[in-house]
PDB file of N, CA and C in Angstrom:
ATOM      1  N   GLY A   1      37.665  57.930 -43.560  1.00  0.00           N
ATOM      2  CA  GLY A   1      37.497  57.099 -42.419  1.00  0.00           C
ATOM      3  C   GLY A   1      36.294  57.527 -41.609  1.00  0.00           C
ATOM      4  N   ALA A   2      35.964  56.708 -40.679  1.00  0.00           N
ATOM      5  CA  ALA A   2      34.818  56.974 -39.812  1.00  0.00           C
ATOM      6  C   ALA A   2      35.133  56.514 -38.399  1.00  0.00           C
ATOM      7  N   ASP A   3      34.645  57.252 -37.441  1.00  0.00           N
ATOM      8  CA  ASP A   3      34.711  56.820 -36.048  1.00  0.00           C
ATOM      9  C   ASP A   3      33.486  55.963 -35.789  1.00  0.00           C
ATOM     10  N   VAL A   4      33.699  54.750 -35.298  1.00  0.00           N
ATOM     11  CA  VAL A   4      32.599  53.806 -35.133  1.00  0.00           C
ATOM     12  C   VAL A   4      32.599  53.250 -33.714  1.00  0.00           C
ATOM     13  N   ASP A   5      31.435  53.198 -33.113  1.00  0.00           N
ATOM     14  CA  ASP A   5      31.235  52.503 -31.846  1.00  0.00           C
ATOM     15  C   ASP A   5      30.351  51.305 -32.140  1.00  0.00           C
ATOM     16  N   VAL A   6      30.830  50.117 -31.825  1.00  0.00           N
ATOM     17  CA  VAL A   6      30.072  48.899 -32.069  1.00  0.00           C
ATOM     18  C   VAL A   6      29.444  48.456 -30.751  1.00  0.00           C
ATOM     19  N   LEU A   7      28.139  48.268 -30.766  1.00  0.00           N
ATOM     20  CA  LEU A   7      27.445  47.809 -29.565  1.00  0.00           C
ATOM     21  C   LEU A   7      27.467  46.292 -29.496  1.00  0.00           C
ATOM     22  N   ALA A   8      27.746  45.772 -28.340  1.00  0.00           N
ATOM     23  CA  ALA A   8      27.645  44.339 -28.119  1.00  0.00           C
ATOM     24  C   ALA A   8      26.311  44.094 -27.428  1.00  0.00           C
ATOM     25  N   GLY A   9      25.586  43.136 -27.895  1.00  0.00           N
ATOM     26  CA  GLY A   9      24.308  42.832 -27.279  1.00  0.00           C
ATOM     27  C   GLY A   9      23.192  42.817 -28.298  1.00  0.00           C
ATOM     28  N   CYS A  10      22.025  42.617 -27.808  1.00  0.00           N
ATOM     29  CA  CYS A  10      20.840  42.466 -28.650  1.00  0.00           C
ATOM     30  C   CYS A  10      19.947  43.691 -28.516  1.00  0.00           C
ATOM     31  N   CYS A  11      19.286  44.039 -29.596  1.00  0.00           N
ATOM     32  CA  CYS A  11      18.364  45.178 -29.557  1.00  0.00           C
ATOM     33  C   CYS A  11      17.073  44.818 -28.822  1.00  0.00           C
ATOM     34  N   GLY A  12      16.786  43.519 -28.715  1.00  0.00           N
ATOM     35  CA  GLY A  12      15.600  43.079 -28.000  1.00  0.00           C
ATOM     36  C   GLY A  12      14.425  42.711 -28.880  1.00  0.00           C
ATOM     37  N   LEU A  13      14.486  43.037 -30.145  1.00  0.00           N
ATOM     38  CA  LEU A  13      13.346  42.736 -31.013  1.00  0.00           C
ATOM     39  C   LEU A  13      13.449  41.327 -31.572  1.00  0.00           C
ATOM     40  N   ALA A  14      14.587  40.972 -32.124  1.00  0.00           N
ATOM     41  CA  ALA A  14      14.871  39.607 -32.593  1.00  0.00           C
ATOM     42  C   ALA A  14      13.766  39.006 -33.450  1.00  0.00           C
ATOM     43  N   GLY A  15      13.452  39.666 -34.542  1.00  0.00           N
ATOM     44  CA  GLY A  15      12.456  39.133 -35.472  1.00  0.00           C
ATOM     45  C   GLY A  15      11.071  39.078 -34.864  1.00  0.00           C
ATOM     46  N   ASN A  16      10.406  37.954 -35.019  1.00  0.00           N
ATOM     47  CA  ASN A  16       9.032  37.800 -34.522  1.00  0.00           C
ATOM     48  C   ASN A  16       8.923  37.910 -33.011  1.00  0.00           C
ATOM     49  N   PHE A  17       9.960  37.546 -32.291  1.00  0.00           N
ATOM     50  CA  PHE A  17       9.904  37.541 -30.830  1.00  0.00           C
ATOM     51  C   PHE A  17       9.376  38.863 -30.299  1.00  0.00           C
ATOM     52  N   GLY A  18       9.974  39.949 -30.683  1.00  0.00           N
ATOM     53  CA  GLY A  18       9.585  41.254 -30.168  1.00  0.00           C
ATOM     54  C   GLY A  18       8.296  41.789 -30.747  1.00  0.00           C
ATOM     55  N   MET A  19       7.836  41.196 -31.839  1.00  0.00           N
ATOM     56  CA  MET A  19       6.589  41.644 -32.463  1.00  0.00           C
ATOM     57  C   MET A  19       5.358  41.038 -31.786  1.00  0.00           C
ATOM     58  N   GLU A  20       5.564  39.996 -31.009  1.00  0.00           N
ATOM     59  CA  GLU A  20       4.445  39.339 -30.337  1.00  0.00           C
ATOM     60  C   GLU A  20       4.105  40.089 -29.053  1.00  0.00           C
ATOM     61  N   ALA A  21       2.829  40.366 -28.860  1.00  0.00           N
ATOM     62  CA  ALA A  21       2.370  41.172 -27.723  1.00  0.00           C
ATOM     63  C   ALA A  21       2.869  40.626 -26.382  1.00  0.00           C
ATOM     64  N   GLY A  22       2.923  39.334 -26.230  1.00  0.00           N
ATOM     65  CA  GLY A  22       3.347  38.725 -24.974  1.00  0.00           C
ATOM     66  C   GLY A  22       4.818  38.929 -24.650  1.00  0.00           C
ATOM     67  N   HIS A  23       5.594  39.365 -25.625  1.00  0.00           N
ATOM     68  CA  HIS A  23       7.027  39.558 -25.415  1.00  0.00           C
ATOM     69  C   HIS A  23       7.433  41.027 -25.349  1.00  0.00           C
ATOM     70  N   TYR A  24       6.484  41.920 -25.428  1.00  0.00           N
ATOM     71  CA  TYR A  24       6.795  43.353 -25.497  1.00  0.00           C
ATOM     72  C   TYR A  24       7.660  43.812 -24.323  1.00  0.00           C
ATOM     73  N   ASP A  25       7.262  43.482 -23.100  1.00  0.00           N
ATOM     74  CA  ASP A  25       8.001  43.944 -21.920  1.00  0.00           C
ATOM     75  C   ASP A  25       9.440  43.420 -21.905  1.00  0.00           C
ATOM     76  N   VAL A  26       9.621  42.155 -22.265  1.00  0.00           N
ATOM     77  CA  VAL A  26      10.964  41.575 -22.305  1.00  0.00           C
ATOM     78  C   VAL A  26      11.787  42.259 -23.396  1.00  0.00           C
ATOM     79  N   SER A  27      11.174  42.468 -24.546  1.00  0.00           N
ATOM     80  CA  SER A  27      11.852  43.119 -25.666  1.00  0.00           C
ATOM     81  C   SER A  27      12.341  44.512 -25.286  1.00  0.00           C
ATOM     82  N   MET A  28      11.502  45.284 -24.635  1.00  0.00           N
ATOM     83  CA  MET A  28      11.873  46.639 -24.235  1.00  0.00           C
ATOM     84  C   MET A  28      12.922  46.629 -23.121  1.00  0.00           C
ATOM     85  N   ALA A  29      12.850  45.650 -22.223  1.00  0.00           N
ATOM     86  CA  ALA A  29      13.847  45.547 -21.151  1.00  0.00           C
ATOM     87  C   ALA A  29      15.229  45.234 -21.724  1.00  0.00           C
ATOM     88  N   ILE A  30      15.273  44.376 -22.729  1.00  0.00           N
ATOM     89  CA  ILE A  30      16.551  44.059 -23.373  1.00  0.00           C
ATOM     90  C   ILE A  30      17.103  45.300 -24.063  1.00  0.00           C
ATOM     91  N   ALA A  31      16.246  46.023 -24.768  1.00  0.00           N
ATOM     92  CA  ALA A  31      16.673  47.246 -25.465  1.00  0.00           C
ATOM     93  C   ALA A  31      17.188  48.288 -24.480  1.00  0.00           C
ATOM     94  N   ALA A  32      16.623  48.324 -23.301  1.00  0.00           N
ATOM     95  CA  ALA A  32      17.016  49.317 -22.294  1.00  0.00           C
ATOM     96  C   ALA A  32      18.416  49.052 -21.731  1.00  0.00           C
ATOM     97  N   ARG A  33      18.939  47.858 -21.951  1.00  0.00           N
ATOM     98  CA  ARG A  33      20.274  47.524 -21.422  1.00  0.00           C
ATOM     99  C   ARG A  33      21.399  48.140 -22.241  1.00  0.00           C
ATOM    100  N   THR A  34      21.302  48.133 -23.565  1.00  0.00           N
ATOM    101  CA  THR A  34      22.402  48.653 -24.394  1.00  0.00           C
ATOM    102  C   THR A  34      21.940  49.633 -25.458  1.00  0.00           C
ATOM    103  N   LEU A  35      20.935  49.254 -26.222  1.00  0.00           N
ATOM    104  CA  LEU A  35      20.507  50.081 -27.356  1.00  0.00           C
ATOM    105  C   LEU A  35      19.999  51.445 -26.911  1.00  0.00           C
ATOM    106  N   GLY A  36      19.080  51.467 -25.979  1.00  0.00           N
ATOM    107  CA  GLY A  36      18.504  52.733 -25.514  1.00  0.00           C
ATOM    108  C   GLY A  36      19.548  53.704 -24.985  1.00  0.00           C
ATOM    109  N   PRO A  37      20.390  53.283 -24.036  1.00  0.00           N
ATOM    110  CA  PRO A  37      21.408  54.198 -23.515  1.00  0.00           C
ATOM    111  C   PRO A  37      22.406  54.664 -24.580  1.00  0.00           C
ATOM    112  N   ALA A  38      22.774  53.774 -25.496  1.00  0.00           N
ATOM    113  CA  ALA A  38      23.731  54.157 -26.545  1.00  0.00           C
ATOM    114  C   ALA A  38      23.145  55.232 -27.450  1.00  0.00           C
ATOM    115  N   ILE A  39      21.892  55.078 -27.812  1.00  0.00           N
ATOM    116  CA  ILE A  39      21.251  56.078 -28.669  1.00  0.00           C
ATOM    117  C   ILE A  39      21.078  57.388 -27.908  1.00  0.00           C
ATOM    118  N   ALA A  40      20.663  57.295 -26.662  1.00  0.00           N
ATOM    119  CA  ALA A  40      20.436  58.501 -25.858  1.00  0.00           C
ATOM    120  C   ALA A  40      21.720  59.307 -25.650  1.00  0.00           C
ATOM    121  N   SER A  41      22.851  58.633 -25.554  1.00  0.00           N
ATOM    122  CA  SER A  41      24.107  59.340 -25.303  1.00  0.00           C
ATOM    123  C   SER A  41      24.818  59.789 -26.580  1.00  0.00           C
ATOM    124  N   ALA A  42      24.320  59.371 -27.730  1.00  0.00           N
ATOM    125  CA  ALA A  42      24.953  59.752 -29.001  1.00  0.00           C
ATOM    126  C   ALA A  42      24.566  61.179 -29.379  1.00  0.00           C
ATOM    127  N   PRO A  43      25.523  61.957 -29.869  1.00  0.00           N
ATOM    128  CA  PRO A  43      25.201  63.312 -30.326  1.00  0.00           C
ATOM    129  C   PRO A  43      24.129  63.290 -31.417  1.00  0.00           C
ATOM    130  N   ALA A  44      23.395  64.368 -31.532  1.00  0.00           N
ATOM    131  CA  ALA A  44      22.252  64.439 -32.454  1.00  0.00           C
ATOM    132  C   ALA A  44      22.596  64.065 -33.892  1.00  0.00           C
ATOM    133  N   GLY A  45      23.757  64.408 -34.384  1.00  0.00           N
ATOM    134  CA  GLY A  45      24.102  64.132 -35.775  1.00  0.00           C
ATOM    135  C   GLY A  45      24.672  62.748 -36.030  1.00  0.00           C
ATOM    136  N   THR A  46      24.724  61.918 -35.011  1.00  0.00           N
ATOM    137  CA  THR A  46      25.305  60.588 -35.143  1.00  0.00           C
ATOM    138  C   THR A  46      24.447  59.708 -36.038  1.00  0.00           C
ATOM    139  N   VAL A  47      25.088  59.034 -36.984  1.00  0.00           N
ATOM    140  CA  VAL A  47      24.383  58.087 -37.849  1.00  0.00           C
ATOM    141  C   VAL A  47      24.238  56.783 -37.081  1.00  0.00           C
ATOM    142  N   LEU A  48      23.024  56.292 -36.995  1.00  0.00           N
ATOM    143  CA  LEU A  48      22.741  55.026 -36.332  1.00  0.00           C
ATOM    144  C   LEU A  48      22.687  53.952 -37.406  1.00  0.00           C
ATOM    145  N   LEU A  49      23.690  53.105 -37.432  1.00  0.00           N
ATOM    146  CA  LEU A  49      23.810  52.081 -38.456  1.00  0.00           C
ATOM    147  C   LEU A  49      23.342  50.754 -37.895  1.00  0.00           C
ATOM    148  N   ALA A  50      22.371  50.142 -38.556  1.00  0.00           N
ATOM    149  CA  ALA A  50      21.846  48.845 -38.129  1.00  0.00           C
ATOM    150  C   ALA A  50      21.421  48.083 -39.375  1.00  0.00           C
ATOM    151  N   ASP A  51      22.123  47.014 -39.684  1.00  0.00           N
ATOM    152  CA  ASP A  51      21.815  46.273 -40.902  1.00  0.00           C
ATOM    153  C   ASP A  51      20.520  45.474 -40.808  1.00  0.00           C
ATOM    154  N   GLY A  52      20.142  45.071 -39.618  1.00  0.00           N
ATOM    155  CA  GLY A  52      18.944  44.251 -39.470  1.00  0.00           C
ATOM    156  C   GLY A  52      17.669  45.078 -39.351  1.00  0.00           C
ATOM    157  N   PHE A  53      16.613  44.601 -39.999  1.00  0.00           N
ATOM    158  CA  PHE A  53      15.313  45.276 -39.931  1.00  0.00           C
ATOM    159  C   PHE A  53      14.834  45.385 -38.489  1.00  0.00           C
ATOM    160  N   SER A  54      15.008  44.317 -37.729  1.00  0.00           N
ATOM    161  CA  SER A  54      14.543  44.317 -36.339  1.00  0.00           C
ATOM    162  C   SER A  54      15.233  45.403 -35.524  1.00  0.00           C
ATOM    163  N   CYS A  55      16.539  45.539 -35.681  1.00  0.00           N
ATOM    164  CA  CYS A  55      17.284  46.548 -34.920  1.00  0.00           C
ATOM    165  C   CYS A  55      16.885  47.963 -35.327  1.00  0.00           C
ATOM    166  N   ARG A  56      16.665  48.181 -36.613  1.00  0.00           N
ATOM    167  CA  ARG A  56      16.234  49.513 -37.063  1.00  0.00           C
ATOM    168  C   ARG A  56      14.847  49.839 -36.506  1.00  0.00           C
ATOM    169  N   THR A  57      13.969  48.859 -36.518  1.00  0.00           N
ATOM    170  CA  THR A  57      12.618  49.053 -35.991  1.00  0.00           C
ATOM    171  C   THR A  57      12.661  49.342 -34.496  1.00  0.00           C
ATOM    172  N   GLN A  58      13.467  48.592 -33.765  1.00  0.00           N
ATOM    173  CA  GLN A  58      13.560  48.778 -32.314  1.00  0.00           C
ATOM    174  C   GLN A  58      14.120  50.160 -31.980  1.00  0.00           C
ATOM    175  N   ALA A  59      15.085  50.635 -32.749  1.00  0.00           N
ATOM    176  CA  ALA A  59      15.653  51.968 -32.508  1.00  0.00           C
ATOM    177  C   ALA A  59      14.563  53.029 -32.615  1.00  0.00           C
ATOM    178  N   GLU A  60      13.666  52.868 -33.573  1.00  0.00           N
ATOM    179  CA  GLU A  60      12.569  53.829 -33.718  1.00  0.00           C
ATOM    180  C   GLU A  60      11.611  53.750 -32.535  1.00  0.00           C
ATOM    181  N   HIS A  61      11.355  52.548 -32.049  1.00  0.00           N
ATOM    182  CA  HIS A  61      10.446  52.380 -30.907  1.00  0.00           C
ATOM    183  C   HIS A  61      11.062  52.918 -29.619  1.00  0.00           C
ATOM    184  N   VAL A  62      12.335  52.647 -29.420  1.00  0.00           N
ATOM    185  CA  VAL A  62      13.005  53.005 -28.169  1.00  0.00           C
ATOM    186  C   VAL A  62      13.347  54.487 -28.096  1.00  0.00           C
ATOM    187  N   ALA A  63      13.833  55.042 -29.194  1.00  0.00           N
ATOM    188  CA  ALA A  63      14.388  56.395 -29.121  1.00  0.00           C
ATOM    189  C   ALA A  63      13.916  57.329 -30.231  1.00  0.00           C
ATOM    190  N   ALA A  64      12.942  56.900 -31.007  1.00  0.00           N
ATOM    191  CA  ALA A  64      12.430  57.723 -32.114  1.00  0.00           C
ATOM    192  C   ALA A  64      13.559  58.191 -33.035  1.00  0.00           C
ATOM    193  N   ARG A  65      14.547  57.325 -33.230  1.00  0.00           N
ATOM    194  CA  ARG A  65      15.651  57.599 -34.157  1.00  0.00           C
ATOM    195  C   ARG A  65      15.634  56.548 -35.253  1.00  0.00           C
ATOM    196  N   ARG A  66      15.844  56.967 -36.461  1.00  0.00           N
ATOM    197  CA  ARG A  66      15.827  56.044 -37.585  1.00  0.00           C
ATOM    198  C   ARG A  66      17.205  55.424 -37.776  1.00  0.00           C
ATOM    199  N   GLY A  67      17.263  54.110 -37.675  1.00  0.00           N
ATOM    200  CA  GLY A  67      18.490  53.395 -37.989  1.00  0.00           C
ATOM    201  C   GLY A  67      18.608  53.237 -39.495  1.00  0.00           C
ATOM    202  N   ARG A  68      19.824  53.207 -39.982  1.00  0.00           N
ATOM    203  CA  ARG A  68      20.043  53.100 -41.421  1.00  0.00           C
ATOM    204  C   ARG A  68      20.851  51.854 -41.738  1.00  0.00           C
ATOM    205  N   HIS A  69      20.572  51.263 -42.886  1.00  0.00           N
ATOM    206  CA  HIS A  69      21.317  50.102 -43.361  1.00  0.00           C
ATOM    207  C   HIS A  69      22.641  50.589 -43.949  1.00  0.00           C
ATOM    208  N   LEU A  70      23.686  49.783 -43.822  1.00  0.00           N
ATOM    209  CA  LEU A  70      24.996  50.147 -44.345  1.00  0.00           C
ATOM    210  C   LEU A  70      24.933  50.465 -45.840  1.00  0.00           C
ATOM    211  N   ALA A  71      24.197  49.683 -46.603  1.00  0.00           N
ATOM    212  CA  ALA A  71      24.096  49.919 -48.049  1.00  0.00           C
ATOM    213  C   ALA A  71      23.477  51.284 -48.341  1.00  0.00           C
ATOM    214  N   GLU A  72      22.519  51.679 -47.536  1.00  0.00           N
ATOM    215  CA  GLU A  72      21.868  52.982 -47.694  1.00  0.00           C
ATOM    216  C   GLU A  72      22.872  54.119 -47.460  1.00  0.00           C
ATOM    217  N   LEU A  73      23.658  53.993 -46.423  1.00  0.00           N
ATOM    218  CA  LEU A  73      24.655  55.015 -46.108  1.00  0.00           C
ATOM    219  C   LEU A  73      25.742  55.084 -47.183  1.00  0.00           C
ATOM    220  N   LEU A  74      26.225  53.926 -47.626  1.00  0.00           N
ATOM    221  CA  LEU A  74      27.252  53.904 -48.665  1.00  0.00           C
ATOM    222  C   LEU A  74      26.744  54.514 -49.966  1.00  0.00           C
ATOM    223  N   ALA A  75      25.517  54.191 -50.354  1.00  0.00           N
ATOM    224  CA  ALA A  75      24.943  54.748 -51.581  1.00  0.00           C
ATOM    225  C   ALA A  75      24.864  56.268 -51.498  1.00  0.00           C
ATOM    226  N   GLU A  76      24.459  56.765 -50.352  1.00  0.00           N
ATOM    227  CA  GLU A  76      24.372  58.215 -50.158  1.00  0.00           C
ATOM    228  C   GLU A  76      25.748  58.868 -50.265  1.00  0.00           C
ATOM    229  N   ARG A  77      26.735  58.276 -49.619  1.00  0.00           N
ATOM    230  CA  ARG A  77      28.086  58.849 -49.633  1.00  0.00           C
ATOM    231  C   ARG A  77      28.717  58.761 -51.017  1.00  0.00           C
ATOM    232  N   LEU A  78      28.488  57.648 -51.719  1.00  0.00           N
ATOM    233  CA  LEU A  78      29.032  57.506 -53.069  1.00  0.00           C
ATOM    234  C   LEU A  78      28.390  58.495 -54.031  1.00  0.00           C
ATOM    235  N   ALA A  79      27.102  58.733 -53.871  1.00  0.00           N
ATOM    236  CA  ALA A  79      26.414  59.708 -54.721  1.00  0.00           C
ATOM    237  C   ALA A  79      27.010  61.094 -54.519  1.00  0.00           C
ATOM    238  N   GLY A  80      27.434  61.398 -53.312  1.00  0.00           N
ATOM    239  CA  GLY A  80      28.032  62.694 -53.012  1.00  0.00           C
ATOM    240  C   GLY A  80      29.423  62.857 -53.613  1.00  0.00           C
ATOM    241  N   LEU A  81      30.070  61.740 -53.960  1.00  0.00           N
ATOM    242  CA  LEU A  81      31.412  61.789 -54.539  1.00  0.00           C
ATOM    243  C   LEU A  81      31.398  61.957 -56.055  1.00  0.00           C
ATOM    244  N   ARG A  82      30.265  61.650 -56.668  1.00  0.00           N
ATOM    245  CA  ARG A  82      30.175  61.741 -58.128  1.00  0.00           C
ATOM    246  C   ARG A  82      30.232  63.191 -58.569  1.00  0.00           C
ATOM    247  N   SER A  83      30.966  63.424 -59.626  1.00  0.00           N
ATOM    248  CA  SER A  83      31.027  64.788 -60.158  1.00  0.00           C
ATOM    249  C   SER A  83      29.852  65.005 -61.109  1.00  0.00           C
ATOM    250  N   PRO A  84      29.292  66.210 -61.128  1.00  0.00           N
ATOM    251  CA  PRO A  84      28.172  66.495 -62.030  1.00  0.00           C
ATOM    252  C   PRO A  84      28.603  66.320 -63.482  1.00  0.00           C
ATOM    253  N   GLN A  85      27.688  65.811 -64.288  1.00  0.00           N
ATOM    254  CA  GLN A  85      28.019  65.588 -65.700  1.00  0.00           C
ATOM    255  C   GLN A  85      27.262  66.502 -66.604  1.00  0.00           C
TER     256      GLN A  85
END
């Protein structure tokens, strides 16, 4: 099992919206409402799970933390369960 905290809200990047220079300030303000504080308060070893490319990218911009896709995490954990042959 895993202990999971699910964030409600938007990371602020939302695809092309946050990539456009004219939207940078709005994008960062949205991220500062939920994503930034959640990452800042998470213990150092906490896995940041974000299936969307935009959310993973925003996490790196906001908090210099790499978000991971669920498939990436599952593959890593499954590889650890395999017995050596």
